[in-house]
Amino acid sequence: RQEGEACSARLPCDSQRGLRCDYSASFPGGPGECVGQNDLGCDLNGMRLEEGQTFQPSCAQLCHCVGGGVTCVPLCTDDLQVPSCPSPQLVRLPGRCCKEWICDGLDNREWRAERTRQDGQPAGPVSNCIERTTDWSPCSRSCGPGVSTRSSNKNWACRLQTQTRLCQVRPCQLPLRYVLPHFPRQRQDSSYTHPLPIRLEHHGCWSTRAYRPRFCVTACPEGRCCSPARTRTVTVAFRCPEGRLTQQQVMMIESCSCSSSSCPRPPAAAAWRALPWL
């Protein structure tokens, strides 16, 4: 394939002319575009970056150019425990990049020594904070995309904060063979896995890898509601159309069980999509 033409693994670009298939503006599974080697890379504030190039805009960030977009990760942690000393202050010391706690009126060498493990890596001091984390709430919707929340004070300030994760107990409408599988006799089998790997969607962004999510069946015998019994939380990376990467916490169902109540009816406007998710 030549420059400007659609390309894929089956329709490769003309490598003898230095062309490569650029997927930076493509949706997952869609074709790319043949571009020259000089056309790959990223533009950042008028500066041209090569594909795969790594750079540091500051001492606190490490960035790299991937797929036409710039992704950065912090090099300083925000999860710093407050020291148990009078008048602690979080400051940036001369010659250092990341902020550190200092204790006003005390010799901070003891505090810094306390932050260092035997392997030489920074470590937080013993904190007086009693950690409190609630269970995740049920998904806000019985079908279709919803959210689940919990409260936790596992942070440097020891303050309760609300954490959110995306969730979906079951799609609202799917082909019959997916929504109403033959109900198993054993309660622990009251769930089913999507038959094909799918990419998750969230606000127009698509997960960078495919998943086979597990869903709860539509209903248990006698019309009782089937809901998640055991879940886990995973961090999913999403790529947006402009090439930006974002991460979201997503609930993954491990098992479902029957409750004594009936599920609320799904919204009348719910419609099935080819890749129903978030």
C-alpha atoms as a PDB file:
ATOM      1  CA  ARG A   1       0.000   0.000   0.000  1.00  0.00           C
ATOM      2  CA  GLN A   2       1.158   3.524  -0.773  1.00  0.00           C
ATOM      3  CA  GLU A   3       1.194   6.743   1.225  1.00  0.00           C
ATOM      4  CA  GLY A   4      -2.276   7.901   2.301  1.00  0.00           C
ATOM      5  CA  GLU A   5      -3.911   4.529   1.624  1.00  0.00           C
ATOM      6  CA  ALA A   6      -5.609   2.346   4.232  1.00  0.00           C
ATOM      7  CA  CYS A   7      -3.450  -0.429   5.660  1.00  0.00           C
ATOM      8  CA  SER A   8      -3.615  -3.369   8.048  1.00  0.00           C
ATOM      9  CA  ALA A   9      -1.708  -6.532   8.899  1.00  0.00           C
ATOM     10  CA  ARG A  10      -3.086  -8.100   5.715  1.00  0.00           C
ATOM     11  CA  LEU A  11      -2.508  -4.979   3.633  1.00  0.00           C
ATOM     12  CA  PRO A  12       0.983  -3.807   4.642  1.00  0.00           C
ATOM     13  CA  CYS A  13       2.564  -0.564   3.541  1.00  0.00           C
ATOM     14  CA  ASP A  14       5.407  -0.385   1.038  1.00  0.00           C
ATOM     15  CA  SER A  15       8.392  -0.757   3.365  1.00  0.00           C
ATOM     16  CA  GLN A  16      10.849  -0.215   0.507  1.00  0.00           C
ATOM     17  CA  ARG A  17       9.635   3.378   0.376  1.00  0.00           C
ATOM     18  CA  GLY A  18       9.950   3.750   4.135  1.00  0.00           C
ATOM     19  CA  LEU A  19       6.201   3.648   4.754  1.00  0.00           C
ATOM     20  CA  ARG A  20       4.636   2.375   7.963  1.00  0.00           C
ATOM     21  CA  CYS A  21       1.051   1.755   9.029  1.00  0.00           C
ATOM     22  CA  ASP A  22      -0.056   4.456  11.488  1.00  0.00           C
ATOM     23  CA  TYR A  23      -2.954   3.453  13.767  1.00  0.00           C
ATOM     24  CA  SER A  24      -2.859   6.543  15.998  1.00  0.00           C
ATOM     25  CA  ALA A  25      -6.174   7.905  14.637  1.00  0.00           C
ATOM     26  CA  SER A  26      -7.879   4.515  14.211  1.00  0.00           C
ATOM     27  CA  PHE A  27     -10.421   2.794  16.380  1.00  0.00           C
ATOM     28  CA  PRO A  28      -9.484  -0.674  17.720  1.00  0.00           C
ATOM     29  CA  GLY A  29      -9.682  -3.202  14.909  1.00  0.00           C
ATOM     30  CA  GLY A  30      -9.916  -0.488  12.255  1.00  0.00           C
ATOM     31  CA  PRO A  31      -7.446   0.124   9.431  1.00  0.00           C
ATOM     32  CA  GLY A  32      -4.519   2.476   9.716  1.00  0.00           C
ATOM     33  CA  GLU A  33      -2.997   4.855   7.191  1.00  0.00           C
ATOM     34  CA  CYS A  34       0.302   4.480   5.353  1.00  0.00           C
ATOM     35  CA  VAL A  35       2.622   7.313   6.314  1.00  0.00           C
ATOM     36  CA  GLY A  36       6.295   8.053   5.854  1.00  0.00           C
ATOM     37  CA  GLN A  37       8.792   7.568   8.649  1.00  0.00           C
ATOM     38  CA  ASN A  38       9.035  11.323   9.074  1.00  0.00           C
ATOM     39  CA  ASP A  39       5.258  11.602   9.550  1.00  0.00           C
ATOM     40  CA  LEU A  40       5.219   9.306  12.588  1.00  0.00           C
ATOM     41  CA  GLY A  41       5.681  10.860  15.976  1.00  0.00           C
ATOM     42  CA  CYS A  42       4.090  13.545  18.111  1.00  0.00           C
ATOM     43  CA  ASP A  43       3.815  17.321  18.133  1.00  0.00           C
ATOM     44  CA  LEU A  44       4.212  18.965  21.540  1.00  0.00           C
ATOM     45  CA  ASN A  45       4.100  22.752  21.780  1.00  0.00           C
ATOM     46  CA  GLY A  46       5.677  23.086  18.348  1.00  0.00           C
ATOM     47  CA  MET A  47       8.357  20.489  19.095  1.00  0.00           C
ATOM     48  CA  ARG A  48       8.496  17.344  16.940  1.00  0.00           C
ATOM     49  CA  LEU A  49       9.066  14.035  18.748  1.00  0.00           C
ATOM     50  CA  GLU A  50      10.019  10.746  17.148  1.00  0.00           C
ATOM     51  CA  GLU A  51       7.878   7.647  17.645  1.00  0.00           C
ATOM     52  CA  GLY A  52       8.999   5.948  20.874  1.00  0.00           C
ATOM     53  CA  GLN A  53      11.033   8.946  22.039  1.00  0.00           C
ATOM     54  CA  THR A  54      11.211   9.438  25.822  1.00  0.00           C
ATOM     55  CA  PHE A  55      11.676  12.845  27.447  1.00  0.00           C
ATOM     56  CA  GLN A  56      11.264  14.652  30.769  1.00  0.00           C
ATOM     57  CA  PRO A  57       9.403  17.985  30.648  1.00  0.00           C
ATOM     58  CA  SER A  58      10.330  18.368  34.318  1.00  0.00           C
ATOM     59  CA  CYS A  59      12.113  16.402  37.012  1.00  0.00           C
ATOM     60  CA  ALA A  60       8.717  15.199  38.262  1.00  0.00           C
ATOM     61  CA  GLN A  61       7.432  13.728  34.974  1.00  0.00           C
ATOM     62  CA  LEU A  62       8.571  11.126  32.459  1.00  0.00           C
ATOM     63  CA  CYS A  63       6.825  11.195  29.061  1.00  0.00           C
ATOM     64  CA  HIS A  64       7.045   9.189  25.862  1.00  0.00           C
ATOM     65  CA  CYS A  65       5.601   9.418  22.368  1.00  0.00           C
ATOM     66  CA  VAL A  66       3.517   6.374  21.419  1.00  0.00           C
ATOM     67  CA  GLY A  67       1.053   6.014  18.560  1.00  0.00           C
ATOM     68  CA  GLY A  68       0.894   9.724  17.826  1.00  0.00           C
ATOM     69  CA  GLY A  69       0.088  10.716  21.422  1.00  0.00           C
ATOM     70  CA  VAL A  70       2.144  11.768  24.425  1.00  0.00           C
ATOM     71  CA  THR A  71       1.752   9.768  27.647  1.00  0.00           C
ATOM     72  CA  CYS A  72       3.288  10.933  30.929  1.00  0.00           C
ATOM     73  CA  VAL A  73       3.760   9.284  34.312  1.00  0.00           C
ATOM     74  CA  PRO A  74       4.591  11.086  37.572  1.00  0.00           C
ATOM     75  CA  LEU A  75       7.961  10.450  39.192  1.00  0.00           C
ATOM     76  CA  CYS A  76       6.917  11.868  42.563  1.00  0.00           C
ATOM     77  CA  THR A  77       4.359  10.118  44.731  1.00  0.00           C
ATOM     78  CA  ASP A  78       1.411  11.924  46.305  1.00  0.00           C
ATOM     79  CA  ASP A  79       0.883   9.102  48.810  1.00  0.00           C
ATOM     80  CA  LEU A  80       3.139  10.532  51.523  1.00  0.00           C
ATOM     81  CA  GLN A  81       2.203   9.741  55.110  1.00  0.00           C
ATOM     82  CA  VAL A  82       2.218  12.715  57.477  1.00  0.00           C
ATOM     83  CA  PRO A  83       4.984  12.323  60.079  1.00  0.00           C
ATOM     84  CA  SER A  84       4.027  12.168  63.742  1.00  0.00           C
ATOM     85  CA  CYS A  85       5.916  15.267  64.811  1.00  0.00           C
ATOM     86  CA  PRO A  86       5.017  18.860  65.732  1.00  0.00           C
ATOM     87  CA  SER A  87       4.176  21.210  62.848  1.00  0.00           C
ATOM     88  CA  PRO A  88       5.038  19.005  59.844  1.00  0.00           C
ATOM     89  CA  GLN A  89       5.518  20.838  56.543  1.00  0.00           C
ATOM     90  CA  LEU A  90       5.550  19.451  52.997  1.00  0.00           C
ATOM     91  CA  VAL A  91       8.264  21.383  51.155  1.00  0.00           C
ATOM     92  CA  ARG A  92      10.648  21.045  48.222  1.00  0.00           C
ATOM     93  CA  LEU A  93      14.174  21.099  49.606  1.00  0.00           C
ATOM     94  CA  PRO A  94      17.048  22.732  47.684  1.00  0.00           C
ATOM     95  CA  GLY A  95      18.620  20.350  45.205  1.00  0.00           C
ATOM     96  CA  ARG A  96      15.686  17.917  45.348  1.00  0.00           C
ATOM     97  CA  CYS A  97      12.809  17.484  42.919  1.00  0.00           C
ATOM     98  CA  CYS A  98      10.008  15.869  44.918  1.00  0.00           C
ATOM     99  CA  LYS A  99       8.482  17.424  48.014  1.00  0.00           C
ATOM    100  CA  GLU A 100       9.374  15.975  51.410  1.00  0.00           C
ATOM    101  CA  TRP A 101       7.980  16.294  54.907  1.00  0.00           C
ATOM    102  CA  ILE A 102      10.079  18.225  57.390  1.00  0.00           C
ATOM    103  CA  CYS A 103       9.412  18.653  61.094  1.00  0.00           C
ATOM    104  CA  ASP A 104       9.568  22.252  62.244  1.00  0.00           C
ATOM    105  CA  GLY A 105      12.064  22.820  65.043  1.00  0.00           C
ATOM    106  CA  LEU A 106      13.438  19.254  64.967  1.00  0.00           C
ATOM    107  CA  ASP A 107      16.478  17.637  63.426  1.00  0.00           C
ATOM    108  CA  ASN A 108      15.065  16.256  60.188  1.00  0.00           C
ATOM    109  CA  ARG A 109      17.933  13.824  59.726  1.00  0.00           C
ATOM    110  CA  GLU A 110      16.136  11.414  62.052  1.00  0.00           C
ATOM    111  CA  TRP A 111      12.958  11.777  59.993  1.00  0.00           C
ATOM    112  CA  ARG A 112      14.766  11.147  56.703  1.00  0.00           C
ATOM    113  CA  ALA A 113      16.541   8.149  58.187  1.00  0.00           C
ATOM    114  CA  GLU A 114      13.151   6.782  59.245  1.00  0.00           C
ATOM    115  CA  ARG A 115      11.970   7.082  55.627  1.00  0.00           C
ATOM    116  CA  THR A 116      14.807   4.900  54.306  1.00  0.00           C
ATOM    117  CA  ARG A 117      14.573   1.132  54.172  1.00  0.00           C
ATOM    118  CA  GLN A 118      17.586  -1.151  54.372  1.00  0.00           C
ATOM    119  CA  ASP A 119      17.556  -1.407  50.587  1.00  0.00           C
ATOM    120  CA  GLY A 120      17.964   2.361  50.315  1.00  0.00           C
ATOM    121  CA  GLN A 121      14.447   3.017  48.968  1.00  0.00           C
ATOM    122  CA  PRO A 122      12.185   5.674  50.570  1.00  0.00           C
ATOM    123  CA  ALA A 123       9.663   4.373  53.045  1.00  0.00           C
ATOM    124  CA  GLY A 124       6.931   6.076  55.034  1.00  0.00           C
ATOM    125  CA  PRO A 125       6.980   6.223  58.828  1.00  0.00           C
ATOM    126  CA  VAL A 126       4.599   4.435  61.129  1.00  0.00           C
ATOM    127  CA  SER A 127       1.342   6.366  60.904  1.00  0.00           C
ATOM    128  CA  ASN A 128      -1.279   6.920  63.583  1.00  0.00           C
ATOM    129  CA  CYS A 129      -3.967   6.786  60.902  1.00  0.00           C
ATOM    130  CA  ILE A 130      -6.450   3.933  61.302  1.00  0.00           C
ATOM    131  CA  GLU A 131      -7.275   2.847  57.775  1.00  0.00           C
ATOM    132  CA  ARG A 132     -10.962   2.582  56.935  1.00  0.00           C
ATOM    133  CA  THR A 133     -12.218   1.298  53.601  1.00  0.00           C
ATOM    134  CA  THR A 134     -15.858   0.400  52.968  1.00  0.00           C
ATOM    135  CA  ASP A 135     -17.090  -2.315  50.636  1.00  0.00           C
ATOM    136  CA  TRP A 136     -17.926  -1.365  47.061  1.00  0.00           C
ATOM    137  CA  SER A 137     -21.557  -0.373  46.640  1.00  0.00           C
ATOM    138  CA  PRO A 138     -23.782  -2.378  44.251  1.00  0.00           C
ATOM    139  CA  CYS A 139     -23.637  -1.219  40.639  1.00  0.00           C
ATOM    140  CA  SER A 140     -25.914   1.785  40.150  1.00  0.00           C
ATOM    141  CA  ARG A 141     -27.797  -0.008  37.353  1.00  0.00           C
ATOM    142  CA  SER A 142     -29.053  -3.586  37.100  1.00  0.00           C
ATOM    143  CA  CYS A 143     -28.189  -3.577  33.387  1.00  0.00           C
ATOM    144  CA  GLY A 144     -26.086  -1.422  31.131  1.00  0.00           C
ATOM    145  CA  PRO A 145     -23.241   0.880  32.210  1.00  0.00           C
ATOM    146  CA  GLY A 146     -23.184   2.107  35.792  1.00  0.00           C
ATOM    147  CA  VAL A 147     -20.849   3.087  38.601  1.00  0.00           C
ATOM    148  CA  SER A 148     -19.900   1.600  41.950  1.00  0.00           C
ATOM    149  CA  THR A 149     -18.409   3.604  44.825  1.00  0.00           C
ATOM    150  CA  ARG A 150     -16.669   3.147  48.147  1.00  0.00           C
ATOM    151  CA  SER A 151     -15.038   5.362  50.774  1.00  0.00           C
ATOM    152  CA  SER A 152     -11.437   5.089  51.904  1.00  0.00           C
ATOM    153  CA  ASN A 153      -9.014   7.146  53.967  1.00  0.00           C
ATOM    154  CA  LYS A 154      -5.937   5.391  52.565  1.00  0.00           C
ATOM    155  CA  ASN A 155      -4.149   8.598  51.565  1.00  0.00           C
ATOM    156  CA  TRP A 156      -1.479  10.866  52.998  1.00  0.00           C
ATOM    157  CA  ALA A 157      -4.059  13.119  54.710  1.00  0.00           C
ATOM    158  CA  CYS A 158      -5.972  10.179  56.263  1.00  0.00           C
ATOM    159  CA  ARG A 159      -9.226  11.725  55.012  1.00  0.00           C
ATOM    160  CA  LEU A 160     -12.201   9.794  53.723  1.00  0.00           C
ATOM    161  CA  GLN A 161     -12.455  10.076  49.945  1.00  0.00           C
ATOM    162  CA  THR A 162     -14.964   8.578  47.531  1.00  0.00           C
ATOM    163  CA  GLN A 163     -13.508   6.160  44.988  1.00  0.00           C
ATOM    164  CA  THR A 164     -15.408   5.220  41.825  1.00  0.00           C
ATOM    165  CA  ARG A 165     -15.214   2.292  39.436  1.00  0.00           C
ATOM    166  CA  LEU A 166     -17.136   1.533  36.250  1.00  0.00           C
ATOM    167  CA  CYS A 167     -19.418  -1.494  36.310  1.00  0.00           C
ATOM    168  CA  GLN A 168     -21.918  -3.479  34.273  1.00  0.00           C
ATOM    169  CA  VAL A 169     -23.860  -6.390  35.754  1.00  0.00           C
ATOM    170  CA  ARG A 170     -25.304  -7.380  32.383  1.00  0.00           C
ATOM    171  CA  PRO A 171     -26.084  -5.710  29.031  1.00  0.00           C
ATOM    172  CA  CYS A 172     -29.664  -4.431  28.801  1.00  0.00           C
ATOM    173  CA  GLN A 173     -30.348  -6.095  25.458  1.00  0.00           C
ATOM    174  CA  LEU A 174     -28.294  -8.729  23.692  1.00  0.00           C
ATOM    175  CA  PRO A 175     -28.987 -11.537  21.240  1.00  0.00           C
ATOM    176  CA  LEU A 176     -31.140 -14.141  22.992  1.00  0.00           C
ATOM    177  CA  ARG A 177     -28.425 -16.788  23.168  1.00  0.00           C
ATOM    178  CA  TYR A 178     -26.265 -14.423  25.243  1.00  0.00           C
ATOM    179  CA  VAL A 179     -28.878 -12.961  27.557  1.00  0.00           C
ATOM    180  CA  LEU A 180     -30.856 -16.077  28.436  1.00  0.00           C
ATOM    181  CA  PRO A 181     -28.517 -19.029  28.582  1.00  0.00           C
ATOM    182  CA  HIS A 182     -29.989 -22.254  29.935  1.00  0.00           C
ATOM    183  CA  PHE A 183     -30.035 -21.625  33.679  1.00  0.00           C
ATOM    184  CA  PRO A 184     -27.651 -24.014  35.440  1.00  0.00           C
ATOM    185  CA  ARG A 185     -28.681 -26.092  38.390  1.00  0.00           C
ATOM    186  CA  GLN A 186     -25.846 -24.972  40.598  1.00  0.00           C
ATOM    187  CA  ARG A 187     -26.036 -21.473  41.993  1.00  0.00           C
ATOM    188  CA  GLN A 188     -22.317 -20.786  41.561  1.00  0.00           C
ATOM    189  CA  ASP A 189     -22.754 -21.084  37.772  1.00  0.00           C
ATOM    190  CA  SER A 190     -25.355 -18.303  37.508  1.00  0.00           C
ATOM    191  CA  SER A 191     -23.050 -16.232  35.287  1.00  0.00           C
ATOM    192  CA  TYR A 192     -21.677 -16.431  31.775  1.00  0.00           C
ATOM    193  CA  THR A 193     -18.621 -15.134  29.963  1.00  0.00           C
ATOM    194  CA  HIS A 194     -18.908 -13.106  26.783  1.00  0.00           C
ATOM    195  CA  PRO A 195     -18.236 -15.564  23.916  1.00  0.00           C
ATOM    196  CA  LEU A 196     -15.733 -13.289  22.149  1.00  0.00           C
ATOM    197  CA  PRO A 197     -13.010 -10.904  23.323  1.00  0.00           C
ATOM    198  CA  ILE A 198     -14.311  -7.328  23.153  1.00  0.00           C
ATOM    199  CA  ARG A 199     -12.780  -3.916  23.678  1.00  0.00           C
ATOM    200  CA  LEU A 200     -14.486  -1.893  26.380  1.00  0.00           C
ATOM    201  CA  GLU A 201     -15.851   1.545  25.514  1.00  0.00           C
ATOM    202  CA  HIS A 202     -16.106   4.566  27.798  1.00  0.00           C
ATOM    203  CA  HIS A 203     -17.143   8.013  26.550  1.00  0.00           C
ATOM    204  CA  GLY A 204     -15.887   7.324  23.023  1.00  0.00           C
ATOM    205  CA  CYS A 205     -12.571   5.852  24.207  1.00  0.00           C
ATOM    206  CA  TRP A 206     -11.700   2.177  23.690  1.00  0.00           C
ATOM    207  CA  SER A 207      -9.642  -0.150  25.885  1.00  0.00           C
ATOM    208  CA  THR A 208      -6.165  -0.850  24.556  1.00  0.00           C
ATOM    209  CA  ARG A 209      -6.666  -4.592  25.032  1.00  0.00           C
ATOM    210  CA  ALA A 210      -9.625  -6.937  24.610  1.00  0.00           C
ATOM    211  CA  TYR A 211     -11.467  -8.628  27.473  1.00  0.00           C
ATOM    212  CA  ARG A 212     -14.003 -11.413  27.912  1.00  0.00           C
ATOM    213  CA  PRO A 213     -16.099  -9.969  30.752  1.00  0.00           C
ATOM    214  CA  ARG A 214     -18.337 -12.151  32.881  1.00  0.00           C
ATOM    215  CA  PHE A 215     -21.991 -11.151  33.310  1.00  0.00           C
ATOM    216  CA  CYS A 216     -24.796 -12.306  35.597  1.00  0.00           C
ATOM    217  CA  VAL A 217     -27.719 -14.083  33.934  1.00  0.00           C
ATOM    218  CA  THR A 218     -30.914 -12.095  33.428  1.00  0.00           C
ATOM    219  CA  ALA A 219     -32.932 -13.813  36.158  1.00  0.00           C
ATOM    220  CA  CYS A 220     -32.842 -16.756  38.522  1.00  0.00           C
ATOM    221  CA  PRO A 221     -35.696 -19.256  38.919  1.00  0.00           C
ATOM    222  CA  GLU A 222     -38.975 -17.754  40.149  1.00  0.00           C
ATOM    223  CA  GLY A 223     -37.948 -14.351  38.813  1.00  0.00           C
ATOM    224  CA  ARG A 224     -35.416 -13.629  41.559  1.00  0.00           C
ATOM    225  CA  CYS A 225     -32.620 -11.187  40.822  1.00  0.00           C
ATOM    226  CA  CYS A 226     -29.160 -12.462  39.924  1.00  0.00           C
ATOM    227  CA  SER A 227     -26.411 -10.126  41.114  1.00  0.00           C
ATOM    228  CA  PRO A 228     -22.607 -10.205  41.546  1.00  0.00           C
ATOM    229  CA  ALA A 229     -21.399 -12.183  44.563  1.00  0.00           C
ATOM    230  CA  ARG A 230     -17.651 -11.750  44.091  1.00  0.00           C
ATOM    231  CA  THR A 231     -15.899  -9.028  42.091  1.00  0.00           C
ATOM    232  CA  ARG A 232     -12.443  -7.581  41.609  1.00  0.00           C
ATOM    233  CA  THR A 233     -11.243  -4.183  40.450  1.00  0.00           C
ATOM    234  CA  VAL A 234      -8.816  -3.796  37.556  1.00  0.00           C
ATOM    235  CA  THR A 235      -7.201  -0.730  36.025  1.00  0.00           C
ATOM    236  CA  VAL A 236      -8.062  -0.492  32.324  1.00  0.00           C
ATOM    237  CA  ALA A 237      -6.217   1.758  29.868  1.00  0.00           C
ATOM    238  CA  PHE A 238      -8.416   3.482  27.274  1.00  0.00           C
ATOM    239  CA  ARG A 239      -7.234   5.169  24.070  1.00  0.00           C
ATOM    240  CA  CYS A 240      -9.312   8.110  22.889  1.00  0.00           C
ATOM    241  CA  PRO A 241      -9.770   9.182  19.227  1.00  0.00           C
ATOM    242  CA  GLU A 242      -7.233  12.015  19.540  1.00  0.00           C
ATOM    243  CA  GLY A 243      -4.611   9.543  20.770  1.00  0.00           C
ATOM    244  CA  ARG A 244      -4.867  10.469  24.454  1.00  0.00           C
ATOM    245  CA  LEU A 245      -4.588   7.605  26.964  1.00  0.00           C
ATOM    246  CA  THR A 246      -6.671   7.485  30.122  1.00  0.00           C
ATOM    247  CA  GLN A 247      -7.061   4.927  32.894  1.00  0.00           C
ATOM    248  CA  GLN A 248     -10.252   3.883  34.669  1.00  0.00           C
ATOM    249  CA  GLN A 249     -11.024   1.472  37.490  1.00  0.00           C
ATOM    250  CA  VAL A 250     -13.403  -1.230  36.212  1.00  0.00           C
ATOM    251  CA  MET A 251     -15.361  -3.897  38.095  1.00  0.00           C
ATOM    252  CA  MET A 252     -14.835  -7.444  36.836  1.00  0.00           C
ATOM    253  CA  ILE A 253     -17.358 -10.064  37.950  1.00  0.00           C
ATOM    254  CA  GLU A 254     -15.987 -13.370  39.235  1.00  0.00           C
ATOM    255  CA  SER A 255     -19.252 -15.007  40.349  1.00  0.00           C
ATOM    256  CA  CYS A 256     -22.977 -14.261  40.713  1.00  0.00           C
ATOM    257  CA  SER A 257     -25.727 -15.457  43.062  1.00  0.00           C
ATOM    258  CA  CYS A 258     -29.513 -15.292  43.401  1.00  0.00           C
ATOM    259  CA  SER A 259     -31.095 -12.838  45.819  1.00  0.00           C
ATOM    260  CA  SER A 260     -34.517 -12.947  47.438  1.00  0.00           C
ATOM    261  CA  SER A 261     -35.788  -9.914  45.515  1.00  0.00           C
ATOM    262  CA  SER A 262     -36.532  -9.111  41.884  1.00  0.00           C
ATOM    263  CA  CYS A 263     -34.278  -6.951  39.736  1.00  0.00           C
ATOM    264  CA  PRO A 264     -35.602  -3.501  38.788  1.00  0.00           C
ATOM    265  CA  ARG A 265     -36.719  -3.252  35.204  1.00  0.00           C
ATOM    266  CA  PRO A 266     -34.172  -1.871  32.731  1.00  0.00           C
ATOM    267  CA  PRO A 267     -34.850   1.585  31.269  1.00  0.00           C
ATOM    268  CA  ALA A 268     -37.192   1.516  28.290  1.00  0.00           C
ATOM    269  CA  ALA A 269     -34.716   3.435  26.138  1.00  0.00           C
ATOM    270  CA  ALA A 270     -31.973   0.856  26.600  1.00  0.00           C
ATOM    271  CA  ALA A 271     -30.731  -0.375  23.235  1.00  0.00           C
ATOM    272  CA  TRP A 272     -28.304  -3.109  22.263  1.00  0.00           C
ATOM    273  CA  ARG A 273     -24.996  -2.209  20.657  1.00  0.00           C
ATOM    274  CA  ALA A 274     -22.482  -4.470  18.994  1.00  0.00           C
ATOM    275  CA  LEU A 275     -19.977  -3.902  21.802  1.00  0.00           C
ATOM    276  CA  PRO A 276     -22.120  -3.017  24.832  1.00  0.00           C
ATOM    277  CA  TRP A 277     -20.108  -1.977  27.816  1.00  0.00           C
ATOM    278  CA  LEU A 278     -19.421   1.232  29.691  1.00  0.00           C
END
